[in-house]
């Protein structure tokens, strides 16, 4: 089943993101290479694809896991969590309807 991992950043998270980005992206590539990643990306603070120094307010990952517990464990071990980027992470089941 798919699960949505919805993360909210602490304020001024950009330096923290930059420090942990390589490890964070590597885990996403692993999911992609396993055929389990549906979508992933950050939410820009401002209404533009490249917010520059304004940074990001959070992230969304939708990926396939064996269970809610497995999705939660994956989210809990995200390098962004360890780096203090996220103030809150919510994991919930996701049903793909479209496309």
Protein backbone atom coordinates (compact mmCIF):
# COMPACT_ATOMS: atom_id res chain seq x y z
CA UNK A 1 0.00 0.00 0.00
CA UNK A 2 1.05 3.59 -0.52
CA UNK A 3 1.60 6.01 2.37
CA UNK A 4 1.84 9.79 2.39
CA UNK A 5 4.63 11.20 4.51
CA UNK A 6 3.81 14.85 5.14
CA UNK A 7 6.55 16.82 6.85
CA UNK A 8 6.58 20.37 8.17
CA UNK A 9 9.85 22.27 8.50
CA UNK A 10 11.08 24.30 11.44
CA UNK A 11 11.50 27.98 10.62
CA UNK A 12 14.63 28.89 8.67
CA UNK A 13 15.33 25.25 7.87
CA UNK A 14 17.35 25.84 4.70
CA UNK A 15 20.83 25.48 6.29
CA UNK A 16 19.71 22.29 8.04
CA UNK A 17 18.28 20.95 4.77
CA UNK A 18 21.47 21.71 2.90
CA UNK A 19 23.56 19.80 5.43
CA UNK A 20 21.44 16.63 5.24
CA UNK A 21 20.21 16.82 1.64
CA UNK A 22 22.59 14.28 0.07
CA UNK A 23 21.63 11.54 2.53
CA UNK A 24 17.93 12.44 2.27
CA UNK A 25 17.99 12.28 -1.54
CA UNK A 26 19.93 8.99 -1.50
CA UNK A 27 17.12 7.32 0.45
CA UNK A 28 14.56 8.62 -2.03
CA UNK A 29 16.63 7.26 -4.92
CA UNK A 30 16.66 3.88 -3.16
CA UNK A 31 12.85 3.90 -3.03
CA UNK A 32 12.71 4.93 -6.69
CA UNK A 33 15.14 2.20 -7.75
CA UNK A 34 13.01 -0.35 -5.87
CA UNK A 35 9.93 0.86 -7.79
CA UNK A 36 8.22 2.05 -4.58
CA UNK A 37 8.31 5.84 -4.97
CA UNK A 38 5.24 7.53 -6.43
CA UNK A 39 6.22 11.18 -5.82
CA UNK A 40 8.52 13.23 -3.60
CA UNK A 41 9.41 16.87 -3.23
CA UNK A 42 9.52 19.94 -1.01
CA UNK A 43 6.99 22.74 -0.54
CA UNK A 44 8.60 26.11 -1.39
CA UNK A 45 7.93 28.87 1.13
CA UNK A 46 7.10 31.25 -1.70
CA UNK A 47 5.12 30.67 -4.88
CA UNK A 48 7.98 29.71 -7.20
CA UNK A 49 9.74 26.47 -8.14
CA UNK A 50 13.08 27.92 -6.96
CA UNK A 51 12.55 29.82 -3.71
CA UNK A 52 16.25 30.57 -3.24
CA UNK A 53 17.08 31.67 0.30
CA UNK A 54 13.38 31.66 1.25
CA UNK A 55 13.69 27.88 1.44
CA UNK A 56 10.97 25.34 2.04
CA UNK A 57 8.13 24.83 4.50
CA UNK A 58 8.00 21.05 4.36
CA UNK A 59 7.99 17.98 2.13
CA UNK A 60 5.73 15.32 0.70
CA UNK A 61 6.74 11.74 -0.04
CA UNK A 62 4.26 9.16 -1.33
CA UNK A 63 5.75 5.68 -1.43
CA UNK A 64 4.84 2.04 -1.10
CA UNK A 65 5.52 0.22 2.17
CA UNK A 66 4.39 -3.11 3.65
CA UNK A 67 2.55 -1.41 6.51
CA UNK A 68 1.88 1.87 8.28
CA UNK A 69 4.49 0.86 10.85
CA UNK A 70 7.10 0.33 8.12
CA UNK A 71 6.29 3.71 6.57
CA UNK A 72 6.51 5.39 9.97
CA UNK A 73 9.86 3.72 10.71
CA UNK A 74 11.20 4.87 7.33
CA UNK A 75 9.99 8.43 8.01
CA UNK A 76 11.44 8.43 11.52
CA UNK A 77 14.89 7.53 10.20
CA UNK A 78 14.98 10.30 7.57
CA UNK A 79 18.23 12.30 7.71
CA UNK A 80 16.11 15.47 7.79
CA UNK A 81 14.54 14.26 11.06
CA UNK A 82 17.97 13.58 12.51
CA UNK A 83 19.19 17.03 11.36
CA UNK A 84 16.24 18.82 12.97
CA UNK A 85 14.71 20.01 9.67
CA UNK A 86 11.20 18.84 10.50
CA UNK A 87 9.02 20.06 13.36
CA UNK A 88 6.28 17.53 12.55
CA UNK A 89 5.94 14.42 10.41
CA UNK A 90 2.58 12.79 9.66
CA UNK A 91 2.31 9.38 8.00
CA UNK A 92 -1.00 8.12 6.69
CA UNK A 93 -2.32 5.62 4.17
CA UNK A 94 -2.74 6.93 0.62
CA UNK A 95 -4.98 5.54 -2.10
CA UNK A 96 -3.90 6.23 -5.67
CA UNK A 97 -6.95 7.13 -7.78
CA UNK A 98 -5.54 9.17 -10.68
CA UNK A 99 -3.86 9.17 -13.10
